[in-house]
PDB file of N, CA and C in Angstrom:
ATOM      1  N   UNK A   1     -40.686  16.197 -29.281  1.00  0.00           N
ATOM      2  CA  UNK A   1     -41.283  16.605 -27.684  1.00  0.00           C
ATOM      3  C   UNK A   1     -40.536  16.523 -26.462  1.00  0.00           C
ATOM      4  N   UNK A   2     -41.051  16.342 -25.347  1.00  0.00           N
ATOM      5  CA  UNK A   2     -39.782  16.541 -24.465  1.00  0.00           C
ATOM      6  C   UNK A   2     -41.136  15.491 -23.361  1.00  0.00           C
ATOM      7  N   UNK A   3     -40.913  14.976 -22.320  1.00  0.00           N
ATOM      8  CA  UNK A   3     -41.776  14.398 -21.127  1.00  0.00           C
ATOM      9  C   UNK A   3     -42.897  15.448 -20.956  1.00  0.00           C
ATOM     10  N   UNK A   4     -42.578  16.074 -20.312  1.00  0.00           N
ATOM     11  CA  UNK A   4     -42.994  17.655 -19.579  1.00  0.00           C
ATOM     12  C   UNK A   4     -43.820  18.255 -20.725  1.00  0.00           C
ATOM     13  N   UNK A   5     -43.546  18.276 -21.723  1.00  0.00           N
ATOM     14  CA  UNK A   5     -44.577  19.051 -23.027  1.00  0.00           C
ATOM     15  C   UNK A   5     -45.450  17.801 -23.502  1.00  0.00           C
ATOM     16  N   UNK A   6     -45.171  16.799 -23.176  1.00  0.00           N
ATOM     17  CA  UNK A   6     -46.127  15.885 -23.974  1.00  0.00           C
ATOM     18  C   UNK A   6     -47.257  15.713 -22.261  1.00  0.00           C
ATOM     19  N   UNK A   7     -46.883  15.447 -21.332  1.00  0.00           N
ATOM     20  CA  UNK A   7     -47.584  15.724 -20.028  1.00  0.00           C
ATOM     21  C   UNK A   7     -48.912  17.084 -19.865  1.00  0.00           C
ATOM     22  N   UNK A   8     -48.154  17.974 -20.106  1.00  0.00           N
ATOM     23  CA  UNK A   8     -48.673  19.684 -20.945  1.00  0.00           C
ATOM     24  C   UNK A   8     -50.118  19.108 -21.700  1.00  0.00           C
ATOM     25  N   UNK A   9     -49.498  18.589 -22.819  1.00  0.00           N
ATOM     26  CA  UNK A   9     -50.025  18.598 -24.054  1.00  0.00           C
ATOM     27  C   UNK A   9     -51.506  17.634 -23.291  1.00  0.00           C
ATOM     28  N   UNK A  10     -51.112  16.297 -23.056  1.00  0.00           N
ATOM     29  CA  UNK A  10     -52.249  15.159 -23.020  1.00  0.00           C
ATOM     30  C   UNK A  10     -52.952  15.585 -21.999  1.00  0.00           C
ATOM     31  N   UNK A  11     -53.137  16.349 -20.895  1.00  0.00           N
ATOM     32  CA  UNK A  11     -53.519  17.178 -19.892  1.00  0.00           C
ATOM     33  C   UNK A  11     -54.582  17.824 -20.678  1.00  0.00           C
ATOM     34  N   UNK A  12     -53.860  19.161 -20.894  1.00  0.00           N
ATOM     35  CA  UNK A  12     -55.062  20.039 -21.470  1.00  0.00           C
ATOM     36  C   UNK A  12     -56.183  19.036 -22.497  1.00  0.00           C
ATOM     37  N   UNK A  13     -55.520  18.491 -23.348  1.00  0.00           N
ATOM     38  CA  UNK A  13     -56.418  17.919 -24.430  1.00  0.00           C
ATOM     39  C   UNK A  13     -57.584  17.168 -23.837  1.00  0.00           C
ATOM     40  N   UNK A  14     -56.868  16.478 -22.186  1.00  0.00           N
ATOM     41  CA  UNK A  14     -58.080  15.447 -21.992  1.00  0.00           C
ATOM     42  C   UNK A  14     -59.109  16.729 -21.320  1.00  0.00           C
ATOM     43  N   UNK A  15     -58.875  18.089 -20.382  1.00  0.00           N
ATOM     44  CA  UNK A  15     -59.797  18.547 -19.731  1.00  0.00           C
ATOM     45  C   UNK A  15     -60.912  19.164 -21.341  1.00  0.00           C
ATOM     46  N   UNK A  16     -60.306  19.359 -22.284  1.00  0.00           N
ATOM     47  CA  UNK A  16     -61.015  19.990 -23.263  1.00  0.00           C
ATOM     48  C   UNK A  16     -62.079  19.040 -23.634  1.00  0.00           C
ATOM     49  N   UNK A  17     -61.305  17.617 -23.903  1.00  0.00           N
ATOM     50  CA  UNK A  17     -62.428  16.448 -24.868  1.00  0.00           C
ATOM     51  C   UNK A  17     -63.645  16.262 -23.308  1.00  0.00           C
ATOM     52  N   UNK A  18     -63.100  16.089 -21.945  1.00  0.00           N
ATOM     53  CA  UNK A  18     -63.952  15.906 -21.262  1.00  0.00           C
ATOM     54  C   UNK A  18     -65.353  17.104 -21.018  1.00  0.00           C
ATOM     55  N   UNK A  19     -64.659  18.067 -21.064  1.00  0.00           N
ATOM     56  CA  UNK A  19     -65.693  19.496 -21.224  1.00  0.00           C
ATOM     57  C   UNK A  19     -66.902  19.327 -22.492  1.00  0.00           C
ATOM     58  N   UNK A  20     -66.044  18.760 -23.462  1.00  0.00           N
ATOM     59  CA  UNK A  20     -66.996  18.812 -24.375  1.00  0.00           C
ATOM     60  C   UNK A  20     -67.710  17.794 -24.502  1.00  0.00           C
ATOM     61  N   UNK A  21     -67.087  16.401 -23.879  1.00  0.00           N
ATOM     62  CA  UNK A  21     -68.287  15.611 -23.940  1.00  0.00           C
ATOM     63  C   UNK A  21     -69.532  15.593 -22.778  1.00  0.00           C
ATOM     64  N   UNK A  22     -68.766  16.125 -21.535  1.00  0.00           N
ATOM     65  CA  UNK A  22     -70.417  16.277 -21.009  1.00  0.00           C
ATOM     66  C   UNK A  22     -70.955  17.549 -21.958  1.00  0.00           C
ATOM     67  N   UNK A  23     -70.848  18.357 -22.401  1.00  0.00           N
ATOM     68  CA  UNK A  23     -71.841  19.421 -22.831  1.00  0.00           C
ATOM     69  C   UNK A  23     -72.696  18.876 -24.192  1.00  0.00           C
ATOM     70  N   UNK A  24     -71.621  18.209 -24.985  1.00  0.00           N
ATOM     71  CA  UNK A  24     -72.839  17.473 -26.145  1.00  0.00           C
ATOM     72  C   UNK A  24     -73.397  15.605 -25.663  1.00  0.00           C
ATOM     73  N   UNK A  25     -72.560  15.211 -24.906  1.00  0.00           N
ATOM     74  CA  UNK A  25     -72.748  13.349 -24.703  1.00  0.00           C
ATOM     75  C   UNK A  25     -73.846  13.561 -23.582  1.00  0.00           C
ATOM     76  N   UNK A  26     -73.114  13.585 -22.549  1.00  0.00           N
ATOM     77  CA  UNK A  26     -73.252  13.631 -21.298  1.00  0.00           C
ATOM     78  C   UNK A  26     -72.739  13.830 -20.137  1.00  0.00           C
ATOM     79  N   UNK A  27     -74.146  14.405 -19.225  1.00  0.00           N
ATOM     80  CA  UNK A  27     -73.223  15.606 -17.970  1.00  0.00           C
ATOM     81  C   UNK A  27     -72.166  14.531 -17.173  1.00  0.00           C
ATOM     82  N   UNK A  28     -72.281  13.228 -17.217  1.00  0.00           N
ATOM     83  CA  UNK A  28     -71.411  12.759 -16.296  1.00  0.00           C
ATOM     84  C   UNK A  28     -69.703  12.276 -17.052  1.00  0.00           C
ATOM     85  N   UNK A  29     -69.021  12.743 -18.093  1.00  0.00           N
ATOM     86  CA  UNK A  29     -68.152  13.110 -18.777  1.00  0.00           C
ATOM     87  C   UNK A  29     -67.444  13.745 -18.230  1.00  0.00           C
ATOM     88  N   UNK A  30     -68.073  14.485 -16.999  1.00  0.00           N
ATOM     89  CA  UNK A  30     -67.252  15.460 -16.110  1.00  0.00           C
ATOM     90  C   UNK A  30     -66.571  15.149 -15.810  1.00  0.00           C
ATOM     91  N   UNK A  31     -66.581  13.763 -15.351  1.00  0.00           N
ATOM     92  CA  UNK A  31     -65.869  13.190 -14.098  1.00  0.00           C
ATOM     93  C   UNK A  31     -64.393  12.783 -15.074  1.00  0.00           C
ATOM     94  N   UNK A  32     -63.995  13.240 -16.168  1.00  0.00           N
ATOM     95  CA  UNK A  32     -62.828  12.465 -16.865  1.00  0.00           C
ATOM     96  C   UNK A  32     -62.111  14.409 -16.830  1.00  0.00           C
ATOM     97  N   UNK A  33     -62.371  15.234 -16.730  1.00  0.00           N
ATOM     98  CA  UNK A  33     -61.704  16.709 -16.305  1.00  0.00           C
ATOM     99  C   UNK A  33     -61.301  16.598 -14.831  1.00  0.00           C
ATOM    100  N   UNK A  34     -62.110  15.838 -14.119  1.00  0.00           N
ATOM    101  CA  UNK A  34     -61.982  16.345 -12.506  1.00  0.00           C
ATOM    102  C   UNK A  34     -61.118  15.023 -12.231  1.00  0.00           C
ATOM    103  N   UNK A  35     -60.659  14.120 -12.799  1.00  0.00           N
ATOM    104  CA  UNK A  35     -59.913  13.248 -12.489  1.00  0.00           C
ATOM    105  C   UNK A  35     -58.460  13.386 -12.970  1.00  0.00           C
ATOM    106  N   UNK A  36     -58.591  13.978 -14.187  1.00  0.00           N
ATOM    107  CA  UNK A  36     -57.276  14.766 -14.767  1.00  0.00           C
ATOM    108  C   UNK A  36     -56.555  15.693 -13.594  1.00  0.00           C
ATOM    109  N   UNK A  37     -57.737  16.484 -13.479  1.00  0.00           N
ATOM    110  CA  UNK A  37     -57.162  17.677 -12.176  1.00  0.00           C
ATOM    111  C   UNK A  37     -56.803  16.999 -10.833  1.00  0.00           C
ATOM    112  N   UNK A  38     -57.212  15.718 -10.372  1.00  0.00           N
ATOM    113  CA  UNK A  38     -56.845  15.439  -8.899  1.00  0.00           C
ATOM    114  C   UNK A  38     -55.730  14.429  -9.314  1.00  0.00           C
ATOM    115  N   UNK A  39     -55.324  13.724 -11.128  1.00  0.00           N
ATOM    116  CA  UNK A  39     -54.188  13.111 -11.165  1.00  0.00           C
ATOM    117  C   UNK A  39     -53.095  14.696 -11.249  1.00  0.00           C
ATOM    118  N   UNK A  40     -53.218  15.796 -11.875  1.00  0.00           N
ATOM    119  CA  UNK A  40     -51.671  16.878 -11.697  1.00  0.00           C
ATOM    120  C   UNK A  40     -51.617  17.280 -10.089  1.00  0.00           C
ATOM    121  N   UNK A  41     -53.031  17.321  -9.357  1.00  0.00           N
ATOM    122  CA  UNK A  41     -53.041  17.391  -7.536  1.00  0.00           C
ATOM    123  C   UNK A  41     -51.766  17.083  -7.249  1.00  0.00           C
ATOM    124  N   UNK A  42     -52.373  15.296  -7.476  1.00  0.00           N
ATOM    125  CA  UNK A  42     -51.466  14.318  -6.673  1.00  0.00           C
ATOM    126  C   UNK A  42     -50.064  14.043  -7.156  1.00  0.00           C
ATOM    127  N   UNK A  43     -49.933  14.353  -8.630  1.00  0.00           N
ATOM    128  CA  UNK A  43     -48.348  14.488  -9.023  1.00  0.00           C
ATOM    129  C   UNK A  43     -47.397  15.569  -8.779  1.00  0.00           C
ATOM    130  N   UNK A  44     -48.468  16.562  -8.271  1.00  0.00           N
ATOM    131  CA  UNK A  44     -47.618  18.240  -7.797  1.00  0.00           C
ATOM    132  C   UNK A  44     -47.213  17.738  -6.464  1.00  0.00           C
ATOM    133  N   UNK A  45     -47.813  17.355  -5.762  1.00  0.00           N
ATOM    134  CA  UNK A  45     -47.546  17.036  -4.192  1.00  0.00           C
ATOM    135  C   UNK A  45     -46.652  15.510  -4.219  1.00  0.00           C
ATOM    136  N   UNK A  46     -47.237  14.183  -4.657  1.00  0.00           N
ATOM    137  CA  UNK A  46     -46.130  13.079  -4.630  1.00  0.00           C
ATOM    138  C   UNK A  46     -44.923  13.122  -6.030  1.00  0.00           C
ATOM    139  N   UNK A  47     -44.254  14.164  -6.945  1.00  0.00           N
ATOM    140  CA  UNK A  47     -43.776  14.371  -7.906  1.00  0.00           C
ATOM    141  C   UNK A  47     -43.881  12.777  -8.656  1.00  0.00           C
ATOM    142  N   UNK A  48     -44.876  11.904  -8.401  1.00  0.00           N
ATOM    143  CA  UNK A  48     -45.238  10.749  -9.507  1.00  0.00           C
ATOM    144  C   UNK A  48     -46.115  11.141 -10.451  1.00  0.00           C
ATOM    145  N   UNK A  49     -45.932  10.842 -11.672  1.00  0.00           N
ATOM    146  CA  UNK A  49     -46.832  11.341 -12.966  1.00  0.00           C
ATOM    147  C   UNK A  49     -47.447   9.919 -13.484  1.00  0.00           C
ATOM    148  N   UNK A  50     -48.117   9.266 -13.422  1.00  0.00           N
ATOM    149  CA  UNK A  50     -48.076   8.095 -14.125  1.00  0.00           C
ATOM    150  C   UNK A  50     -47.776   7.773 -15.867  1.00  0.00           C
ATOM    151  N   UNK A  51     -48.303   9.308 -16.383  1.00  0.00           N
ATOM    152  CA  UNK A  51     -47.476   9.194 -17.777  1.00  0.00           C
ATOM    153  C   UNK A  51     -46.447   9.547 -18.002  1.00  0.00           C
ATOM    154  N   UNK A  52     -45.739  10.378 -17.396  1.00  0.00           N
ATOM    155  CA  UNK A  52     -44.479  10.775 -17.245  1.00  0.00           C
ATOM    156  C   UNK A  52     -43.916   9.654 -17.210  1.00  0.00           C
ATOM    157  N   UNK A  53     -44.143   8.563 -16.358  1.00  0.00           N
ATOM    158  CA  UNK A  53     -42.984   7.311 -15.929  1.00  0.00           C
ATOM    159  C   UNK A  53     -43.173   6.621 -17.203  1.00  0.00           C
ATOM    160  N   UNK A  54     -44.188   6.157 -17.504  1.00  0.00           N
ATOM    161  CA  UNK A  54     -44.329   5.320 -19.166  1.00  0.00           C
ATOM    162  C   UNK A  54     -43.673   6.277 -20.027  1.00  0.00           C
ATOM    163  N   UNK A  55     -43.637   7.321 -20.388  1.00  0.00           N
ATOM    164  CA  UNK A  55     -42.625   8.178 -21.612  1.00  0.00           C
ATOM    165  C   UNK A  55     -41.766   8.395 -21.398  1.00  0.00           C
ATOM    166  N   UNK A  56     -41.174   8.189 -19.835  1.00  0.00           N
ATOM    167  CA  UNK A  56     -39.528   7.719 -19.668  1.00  0.00           C
ATOM    168  C   UNK A  56     -38.895   6.431 -20.282  1.00  0.00           C
ATOM    169  N   UNK A  57     -39.897   5.381 -19.514  1.00  0.00           N
ATOM    170  CA  UNK A  57     -39.568   4.414 -19.990  1.00  0.00           C
ATOM    171  C   UNK A  57     -39.852   4.035 -21.233  1.00  0.00           C
ATOM    172  N   UNK A  58     -40.365   4.397 -22.468  1.00  0.00           N
ATOM    173  CA  UNK A  58     -40.366   4.695 -23.761  1.00  0.00           C
ATOM    174  C   UNK A  58     -38.917   5.346 -23.998  1.00  0.00           C
ATOM    175  N   UNK A  59     -38.678   5.816 -23.543  1.00  0.00           N
ATOM    176  CA  UNK A  59     -37.487   6.596 -24.218  1.00  0.00           C
ATOM    177  C   UNK A  59     -37.875   7.985 -24.412  1.00  0.00           C
ATOM    178  N   UNK A  60     -38.650   8.718 -24.301  1.00  0.00           N
ATOM    179  CA  UNK A  60     -38.673  10.300 -24.531  1.00  0.00           C
ATOM    180  C   UNK A  60     -37.880  10.419 -23.937  1.00  0.00           C
ATOM    181  N   UNK A  61     -37.002  12.151 -24.414  1.00  0.00           N
ATOM    182  CA  UNK A  61     -36.642  12.914 -23.803  1.00  0.00           C
ATOM    183  C   UNK A  61     -36.500  13.531 -22.603  1.00  0.00           C
ATOM    184  N   UNK A  62     -35.889  13.772 -21.527  1.00  0.00           N
ATOM    185  CA  UNK A  62     -36.388  14.252 -20.659  1.00  0.00           C
ATOM    186  C   UNK A  62     -35.616  15.552 -20.473  1.00  0.00           C
ATOM    187  N   UNK A  63     -36.783  16.944 -20.099  1.00  0.00           N
ATOM    188  CA  UNK A  63     -36.338  17.895 -20.313  1.00  0.00           C
ATOM    189  C   UNK A  63     -37.115  18.495 -19.316  1.00  0.00           C
ATOM    190  N   UNK A  64     -36.802  19.626 -18.344  1.00  0.00           N
ATOM    191  CA  UNK A  64     -37.940  20.592 -18.144  1.00  0.00           C
ATOM    192  C   UNK A  64     -38.193  21.795 -18.975  1.00  0.00           C
ATOM    193  N   UNK A  65     -39.709  21.937 -19.357  1.00  0.00           N
ATOM    194  CA  UNK A  65     -39.967  22.763 -19.988  1.00  0.00           C
ATOM    195  C   UNK A  65     -40.269  24.032 -19.434  1.00  0.00           C
ATOM    196  N   UNK A  66     -40.514  24.357 -18.132  1.00  0.00           N
ATOM    197  CA  UNK A  66     -41.026  25.010 -17.445  1.00  0.00           C
ATOM    198  C   UNK A  66     -39.496  25.934 -16.560  1.00  0.00           C
ATOM    199  N   UNK A  67     -38.591  25.973 -16.798  1.00  0.00           N
ATOM    200  CA  UNK A  67     -37.523  26.664 -16.389  1.00  0.00           C
ATOM    201  C   UNK A  67     -36.671  27.456 -17.495  1.00  0.00           C
TER     202      UNK A  67
END
């Protein structure tokens, strides 16, 4: 898997997890998908994604999955 695919996968899973936890555990868990959304917006504007940064440092193959 490439950096972009892992970032998309983790972001999607965090949103789904946050929604499930806010429904079944406590409504304050809605902050998790809100944080993920803010991070995605920030990375779209600044081109800096913390997860992608660490994945690149770990040696994960870099390739653009959306082109």
